[in-house]
Protein backbone atom coordinates (compact mmCIF):
# COMPACT_ATOMS: atom_id res chain seq x y z
CA MET A 1 83.30 112.27 184.22
CA PRO A 2 84.87 111.82 181.18
CA ILE A 3 85.59 114.85 178.84
CA LEU A 4 84.31 113.06 175.70
CA GLN A 5 80.54 112.24 176.09
CA PRO A 6 78.53 110.42 173.40
CA ILE A 7 77.85 112.48 170.39
CA PRO A 8 74.57 112.60 168.82
CA GLU A 9 74.08 111.76 165.26
CA ARG A 10 73.02 115.16 163.23
CA LEU A 11 72.23 115.74 159.58
CA LEU A 12 74.33 118.57 158.62
CA LEU A 13 72.19 120.71 156.31
CA GLY A 14 73.52 123.93 157.29
CA PRO A 15 76.37 126.05 155.62
CA GLY A 16 78.89 123.62 156.57
CA PRO A 17 80.12 121.42 157.76
CA SER A 18 78.60 118.38 155.82
CA ASN A 19 78.22 114.98 156.88
CA ALA A 20 81.38 112.85 155.79
CA HIS A 21 80.82 109.49 154.37
CA PRO A 22 82.14 106.06 156.24
CA SER A 23 85.07 105.86 154.28
CA VAL A 24 86.60 109.25 155.10
CA LEU A 25 86.27 108.53 158.82
CA GLU A 26 87.48 104.89 158.25
CA ALA A 27 90.62 106.69 156.92
CA MET A 28 91.02 108.96 159.46
CA SER A 29 91.21 106.13 162.34
CA ARG A 30 94.45 104.57 160.37
CA PRO A 31 97.43 104.38 161.92
CA LEU A 32 99.60 107.74 162.22
CA LEU A 33 102.68 108.40 160.31
CA GLY A 34 105.37 111.25 160.77
CA HIS A 35 104.71 114.28 158.66
CA LEU A 36 108.14 113.63 157.08
CA ASP A 37 107.42 109.61 156.58
CA PRO A 38 108.30 108.93 152.70
CA ASP A 39 104.78 107.09 152.59
CA PHE A 40 103.19 110.29 154.11
CA ILE A 41 104.72 112.59 151.68
CA ALA A 42 103.94 110.03 148.52
CA LEU A 43 100.17 110.66 149.75
CA LEU A 44 100.52 114.27 150.02
CA ASP A 45 101.50 114.39 146.25
CA ARG A 46 98.65 112.17 145.42
CA VAL A 47 96.11 114.56 147.45
CA LYS A 48 97.89 117.36 145.47
CA GLN A 49 97.23 115.83 142.28
CA GLY A 50 93.36 114.89 143.21
CA LEU A 51 93.00 118.61 144.05
CA ARG A 52 94.46 119.97 140.51
CA GLU A 53 91.66 117.80 139.23
CA VAL A 54 88.74 119.49 141.15
CA PHE A 55 90.32 122.75 140.76
CA GLY A 56 90.57 122.53 136.96
CA THR A 57 94.30 123.74 136.88
CA ALA A 58 97.70 122.06 136.24
CA ASN A 59 99.36 124.42 139.21
CA ALA A 60 102.42 122.96 140.87
CA MET A 61 101.45 124.91 143.81
CA THR A 62 98.31 123.32 144.78
CA LEU A 63 98.00 121.98 148.30
CA PRO A 64 95.94 121.55 151.58
CA ILE A 65 96.81 124.17 153.76
CA SER A 66 96.91 123.02 157.39
CA ALA A 67 94.01 125.13 158.80
CA THR A 68 90.39 125.68 157.63
CA GLY A 69 88.86 128.06 154.66
CA SER A 70 89.67 131.20 156.23
CA ALA A 71 93.65 130.57 156.61
CA GLY A 72 93.12 129.69 152.93
CA MET A 73 91.69 133.24 152.28
CA GLU A 74 94.50 134.72 154.35
CA ALA A 75 97.29 132.66 152.65
CA ALA A 76 95.83 133.96 149.04
CA LEU A 77 95.75 137.69 150.06
CA VAL A 78 98.79 138.12 152.46
CA ASN A 79 101.36 136.46 149.83
CA LEU A 80 100.09 138.70 146.71
CA LEU A 81 99.57 141.92 148.67
CA GLU A 82 102.20 144.31 150.15
CA PRO A 83 101.49 147.12 152.09
CA GLY A 84 100.30 150.04 150.21
CA ASP A 85 99.43 147.61 147.08
CA PRO A 86 95.70 148.37 145.91
CA ILE A 87 92.98 145.83 145.86
CA LEU A 88 89.65 145.79 144.57
CA VAL A 89 87.18 143.40 146.69
CA GLY A 90 83.63 142.54 145.40
CA VAL A 91 81.36 142.49 148.20
CA ASN A 92 77.82 140.79 148.05
CA GLY A 93 77.67 139.18 151.29
CA VAL A 94 79.75 138.15 154.44
CA PHE A 95 82.62 136.64 152.82
CA GLY A 96 83.19 139.20 150.25
CA GLY A 97 83.43 141.30 153.42
CA ARG A 98 85.74 139.28 154.97
CA MET A 99 88.22 139.24 151.98
CA ALA A 100 88.30 143.28 152.35
CA GLU A 101 89.20 143.14 156.24
CA VAL A 102 91.78 140.53 155.63
CA ALA A 103 93.46 142.51 153.09
CA ARG A 104 92.96 146.16 155.42
CA ARG A 105 94.90 143.83 157.78
CA ALA A 106 97.66 143.13 155.47
CA GLY A 107 98.05 146.81 154.98
CA ALA A 108 96.61 146.89 151.48
CA ARG A 109 94.56 149.92 150.24
CA VAL A 110 91.03 148.56 149.87
CA THR A 111 88.38 149.52 147.28
CA THR A 112 85.15 147.76 147.22
CA VAL A 113 82.58 147.11 144.62
CA GLU A 114 78.87 146.33 146.76
CA ALA A 115 76.19 144.38 145.41
CA THR A 116 72.73 143.85 147.42
CA TRP A 117 72.84 140.44 149.35
CA GLY A 118 71.29 137.85 147.46
CA THR A 119 72.44 139.15 144.03
CA PRO A 120 75.60 138.76 142.00
CA LEU A 121 78.20 141.63 141.45
CA ASP A 122 77.64 143.60 138.40
CA ALA A 123 80.65 142.56 136.04
CA ASN A 124 80.61 146.07 134.26
CA ALA A 125 80.60 147.86 137.88
CA MET A 126 83.85 145.77 138.55
CA ALA A 127 85.39 146.36 135.38
CA GLU A 128 84.86 150.08 135.59
CA ALA A 129 86.16 150.12 139.23
CA ILE A 130 89.21 148.02 137.77
CA ALA A 131 89.86 150.52 135.19
CA ARG A 132 89.87 153.19 137.80
CA VAL A 133 91.65 151.65 140.52
CA ARG A 134 94.41 149.79 138.57
CA PRO A 135 94.54 147.22 141.58
CA ARG A 136 97.41 144.74 141.86
CA VAL A 137 94.83 142.35 143.15
CA VAL A 138 90.88 141.58 142.30
CA SER A 139 88.98 139.54 144.67
CA PHE A 140 85.68 137.97 144.83
CA VAL A 141 83.50 135.01 146.05
CA HIS A 142 82.56 132.40 143.50
CA ALA A 143 79.99 131.03 145.94
CA GLU A 144 78.74 133.25 148.66
CA THR A 145 77.86 131.14 151.44
CA SER A 146 75.82 134.07 153.28
CA THR A 147 73.48 134.40 150.44
CA GLY A 148 73.26 131.23 148.23
CA VAL A 149 74.77 133.23 145.08
CA CYS A 150 76.91 131.71 142.57
CA GLN A 151 78.90 134.63 140.96
CA PRO A 152 79.78 134.29 137.35
CA VAL A 153 83.72 134.51 136.90
CA ASP A 154 84.48 135.31 133.40
CA GLU A 155 84.10 138.74 132.58
CA ILE A 156 85.36 140.15 136.03
CA SER A 157 88.69 137.76 135.53
CA ARG A 158 88.91 139.08 132.08
CA ALA A 159 88.60 142.68 133.04
CA ALA A 160 91.22 142.07 135.89
CA ARG A 161 93.75 140.16 133.63
CA ASP A 162 93.77 143.10 130.77
CA ALA A 163 94.47 145.58 133.40
CA ASP A 164 97.48 143.17 134.82
CA ALA A 165 95.72 142.56 138.23
CA MET A 166 96.07 139.19 139.83
CA VAL A 167 92.71 137.42 140.48
CA VAL A 168 91.59 135.56 143.98
CA LEU A 169 88.68 133.47 143.85
CA ASP A 170 86.91 132.05 147.02
CA CYS A 171 85.62 128.47 145.95
CA VAL A 172 84.84 127.39 149.68
CA THR A 173 81.44 126.36 148.83
CA SER A 174 81.59 125.61 145.19
CA LEU A 175 84.87 123.15 144.89
CA SER A 176 83.24 119.64 143.84
CA GLY A 177 79.42 120.86 143.70
CA ARG A 178 79.82 123.34 140.88
CA PRO A 179 82.40 123.62 137.94
CA VAL A 180 85.52 125.30 138.72
CA GLU A 181 87.90 125.96 135.89
CA LEU A 182 91.00 128.05 137.19
CA ASP A 183 93.35 127.57 134.34
CA ALA A 184 90.19 128.54 131.83
CA TRP A 185 89.14 131.49 133.79
CA GLY A 186 92.68 133.08 134.57
CA ILE A 187 92.50 132.58 138.15
CA ASP A 188 95.97 133.33 140.10
CA GLY A 189 94.91 132.51 143.64
CA ALA A 190 91.88 130.34 144.72
CA TYR A 191 91.07 128.66 148.07
CA SER A 192 88.51 126.30 149.34
CA GLY A 193 87.54 124.21 152.57
CA THR A 194 87.25 120.76 153.01
CA GLN A 195 84.21 120.66 155.11
CA LYS A 196 81.36 121.50 152.06
CA CYS A 197 80.94 119.60 149.06
CA LEU A 198 84.20 117.60 149.41
CA SER A 199 82.33 115.86 152.53
CA CYS A 200 85.42 115.84 154.66
CA PRO A 201 85.64 117.28 158.43
CA PRO A 202 86.67 120.64 158.78
CA GLY A 203 90.52 121.46 159.18
CA LEU A 204 92.26 121.62 155.83
CA SER A 205 92.01 124.39 153.06
CA PRO A 206 92.84 123.48 149.84
CA VAL A 207 94.59 126.27 147.60
CA SER A 208 95.95 126.78 144.41
CA PHE A 209 98.19 129.53 143.01
CA SER A 210 99.31 130.49 139.45
CA GLU A 211 103.14 130.39 138.14
CA ARG A 212 102.36 134.34 137.78
CA ALA A 213 101.46 134.20 141.43
CA ILE A 214 104.24 132.43 142.61
CA GLU A 215 106.82 134.75 140.49
CA ALA A 216 105.04 137.59 142.38
CA VAL A 217 105.65 136.19 145.59
CA LYS A 218 109.39 135.90 144.83
CA ALA A 219 109.67 139.34 143.82
CA ARG A 220 108.31 140.61 147.15
CA LYS A 221 110.03 143.77 148.50
CA THR A 222 108.71 143.09 152.03
CA PRO A 223 108.08 139.62 153.81
CA VAL A 224 104.85 137.84 153.73
CA GLN A 225 102.72 139.03 156.89
CA SER A 226 102.36 135.62 158.12
CA TRP A 227 105.16 133.34 158.73
CA TYR A 228 103.02 130.19 158.81
CA LEU A 229 101.37 131.10 155.40
CA ASP A 230 104.32 132.21 153.27
CA LEU A 231 104.37 130.34 150.29
CA SER A 232 108.22 130.45 149.54
CA LEU A 233 108.56 128.63 153.20
CA LEU A 234 105.71 126.17 152.49
CA ALA A 235 107.16 125.49 148.97
CA GLY A 236 109.92 123.76 150.86
CA TYR A 237 107.50 121.00 152.41
CA TYR A 238 105.28 120.54 149.59
CA GLU A 239 107.26 120.58 146.40
CA GLY A 240 110.45 119.16 145.33
CA GLU A 241 112.55 115.94 145.77
CA LYS A 242 113.89 116.66 149.32
CA ARG A 243 111.07 117.96 151.79
CA VAL A 244 112.15 120.12 154.58
CA TYR A 245 110.37 120.75 157.77
CA HIS A 246 107.83 123.78 157.80
CA HIS A 247 105.08 122.81 160.24
CA THR A 248 103.09 119.35 161.72
CA ALA A 249 100.83 118.39 159.12
CA PRO A 250 97.60 117.20 160.34
CA ILE A 251 97.95 113.71 159.16
CA THR A 252 94.62 111.98 160.08
CA ALA A 253 92.93 115.10 158.30
CA THR A 254 95.06 114.59 154.99
CA TYR A 255 93.93 110.95 155.10
CA GLY A 256 90.50 111.85 155.13
CA LEU A 257 90.76 114.11 152.38
CA ALA A 258 92.28 111.61 150.53
CA ALA A 259 89.55 109.35 151.12
CA GLY A 260 87.05 112.20 150.15
CA LEU A 261 88.72 113.01 146.94
CA ASP A 262 88.78 109.38 146.13
CA ARG A 263 85.07 109.27 146.17
CA VAL A 264 84.74 112.79 144.36
CA LEU A 265 86.88 111.60 141.40
CA GLU A 266 85.50 107.97 141.42
CA GLU A 267 81.77 109.50 140.83
CA GLY A 268 83.18 111.97 138.28
CA LEU A 269 82.69 115.79 138.52
CA PRO A 270 79.64 115.76 135.95
CA LYS A 271 78.11 113.20 137.59
CA ARG A 272 78.41 115.06 141.08
CA TYR A 273 77.62 118.39 139.72
CA SER A 274 74.13 116.95 138.45
CA ARG A 275 73.51 115.43 141.43
CA HIS A 276 73.70 118.65 143.37
CA THR A 277 71.65 120.25 140.98
CA GLU A 278 68.78 117.76 141.00
CA ALA A 279 68.75 117.71 145.14
CA ALA A 280 68.56 121.56 145.11
CA GLU A 281 65.39 121.18 142.55
CA ARG A 282 63.82 118.52 144.54
CA LEU A 283 64.00 120.60 147.71
CA LEU A 284 62.82 123.97 146.06
CA ALA A 285 59.73 121.64 144.53
CA GLY A 286 59.10 120.19 147.99
CA VAL A 287 59.27 123.33 150.21
CA GLU A 288 57.19 125.71 147.80
CA PRO A 289 53.75 124.21 149.50
CA LEU A 290 55.05 124.87 152.56
CA GLY A 291 55.37 128.68 151.73
CA PHE A 292 59.39 128.81 151.21
CA GLU A 293 60.82 130.92 148.39
CA PRO A 294 64.06 131.08 147.07
CA LEU A 295 65.98 134.33 147.53
CA VAL A 296 67.89 133.95 144.51
CA GLU A 297 67.06 134.13 141.36
CA ALA A 298 67.31 130.94 139.23
CA SER A 299 70.07 131.97 136.89
CA TYR A 300 72.52 132.53 139.82
CA ARG A 301 71.45 130.27 142.46
CA LEU A 302 73.89 127.98 144.19
CA PRO A 303 72.25 124.17 144.28
CA MET A 304 74.44 123.22 147.40
CA LEU A 305 73.51 126.09 149.49
CA ASN A 306 69.65 127.35 149.09
CA ALA A 307 68.77 130.65 150.61
CA LEU A 308 65.16 130.14 151.41
CA ARG A 309 63.20 133.28 152.27
CA LEU A 310 60.81 132.04 155.51
CA PRO A 311 56.80 131.65 155.25
CA GLU A 312 54.73 133.40 157.45
CA ARG A 313 54.04 130.16 159.68
CA VAL A 314 57.83 130.14 160.58
CA ARG A 315 57.71 133.51 161.48
CA GLN A 316 54.68 133.05 163.84
CA LEU A 317 56.41 130.33 165.43
CA GLY A 318 59.83 131.90 165.47
CA GLU A 319 62.41 130.91 163.22
CA GLY A 320 64.93 130.01 165.97
CA PRO A 321 62.49 127.71 167.76
CA VAL A 322 61.46 125.94 164.53
CA ARG A 323 65.18 125.46 163.61
CA ALA A 324 65.95 124.26 167.37
CA ARG A 325 63.01 121.81 166.94
CA LEU A 326 64.38 120.71 163.59
CA LEU A 327 67.72 119.88 165.71
CA GLU A 328 66.38 118.51 169.01
CA GLU A 329 63.41 116.36 167.75
CA PHE A 330 64.63 115.17 164.03
CA GLY A 331 68.42 115.50 164.39
CA ILE A 332 68.42 118.01 161.37
CA GLU A 333 70.57 121.23 161.27
CA VAL A 334 69.93 124.23 158.91
CA GLY A 335 71.24 127.43 159.14
CA ALA A 336 70.18 130.77 159.92
CA GLY A 337 70.43 133.89 157.93
CA LEU A 338 73.51 136.34 158.72
CA GLY A 339 73.91 140.26 158.70
CA PRO A 340 70.83 141.68 157.05
CA LEU A 341 69.30 138.75 156.22
CA ALA A 342 69.39 137.52 159.82
CA GLY A 343 65.55 136.26 160.60
CA GLU A 344 64.90 136.71 156.90
CA ILE A 345 66.00 133.17 155.54
CA TRP A 346 67.44 129.93 156.23
CA ARG A 347 70.40 128.78 154.48
CA VAL A 348 70.02 124.93 153.65
CA GLY A 349 73.15 123.14 152.55
CA LEU A 350 72.84 120.29 150.15
CA MET A 351 76.60 119.64 149.93
CA GLY A 352 78.47 116.27 148.91
CA GLU A 353 77.04 113.31 150.47
CA ASN A 354 74.21 115.25 151.41
CA ALA A 355 73.03 116.07 147.90
CA ARG A 356 70.76 113.14 147.68
CA PRO A 357 67.26 112.39 147.13
CA ALA A 358 66.56 110.74 150.40
CA VAL A 359 68.29 113.36 152.23
CA VAL A 360 66.14 116.02 150.90
CA ASP A 361 63.08 113.94 151.46
CA ARG A 362 63.99 113.47 155.40
CA LEU A 363 64.14 117.02 155.91
CA LEU A 364 60.70 117.47 153.99
CA GLU A 365 59.27 114.89 156.26
CA ALA A 366 60.26 117.10 159.33
CA LEU A 367 59.59 120.25 158.04
CA ARG A 368 55.83 119.49 157.47
CA LYS A 369 55.64 117.97 160.78
CA VAL A 370 57.12 121.00 162.51
CA LEU A 371 54.69 123.51 160.90
CA ALA A 372 51.74 121.09 161.12
């Protein structure tokens, strides 16, 4: 029996991955090149420029890390932290908690500011903690995938900069679905993933580091904890006229990212942001008669990741069995709640190519049939 069996078609409306456009999948079927081939290096440089546009930055060190978004998180933190350094982490969901754990494993002294899941971090509480802790790094999540909260960035980033702290921002779910403006916000390290609003397969983590962050890496007294994610080593491959071997880059994944970025930039970021917002509004209007309610208040609500409180009908049928029916009978995946929200919410992703009226309508039609 062959190892690779037929793969079912799914409409991926969970927290990621999202469906890729056929042009992305076609790009990934093109002939392989070597990772030091001049044509591939030229492509990599164009990808870096495309990432600068979607990140809203002029940072030279903007590149696709050869691993998923969690590796982007590690790269940001292990490069900017040395053992014993203080860090302040805002935690209002799974991924703020993961930041804190990565920092602990890097030997940092971690202080957290907590907020109830489904609510944003309190900027005043973060500013007070920054003044008290005087951290080297302040980190928090722009778009918390576990709760659907979009975190305002300006006030927290300004307080960190006033205290001479570097700022690390998780943009995994927001990049190309909501405005991301690293330079305007004063962000020193940011990371994302390709499988969300960029609508590419998982496997690469776009990252960006400011000049101040790069100078901090150069001034380190100890080696970066991770050899693979050490920016001073990665720079030899991703920057300069003469590139040197560091690792074998994922060639086909880079082709896919290039095609995905082409679609983003051809559409235009403002239009893309509006499309995500309109799709979320259509979804919320459609699920309201079915008894679903948004977890997050409107001013902090993500359009690409909709956290929906479950109605009594879903609880009666069992939220797991209902999701299983959507998958098995209609080929639609939606996500369950995590942590304290497990069994309380669904997470419905409308990311990238899936932020379209026809996609929303297909889900609504399936839900009506399952809940009838």
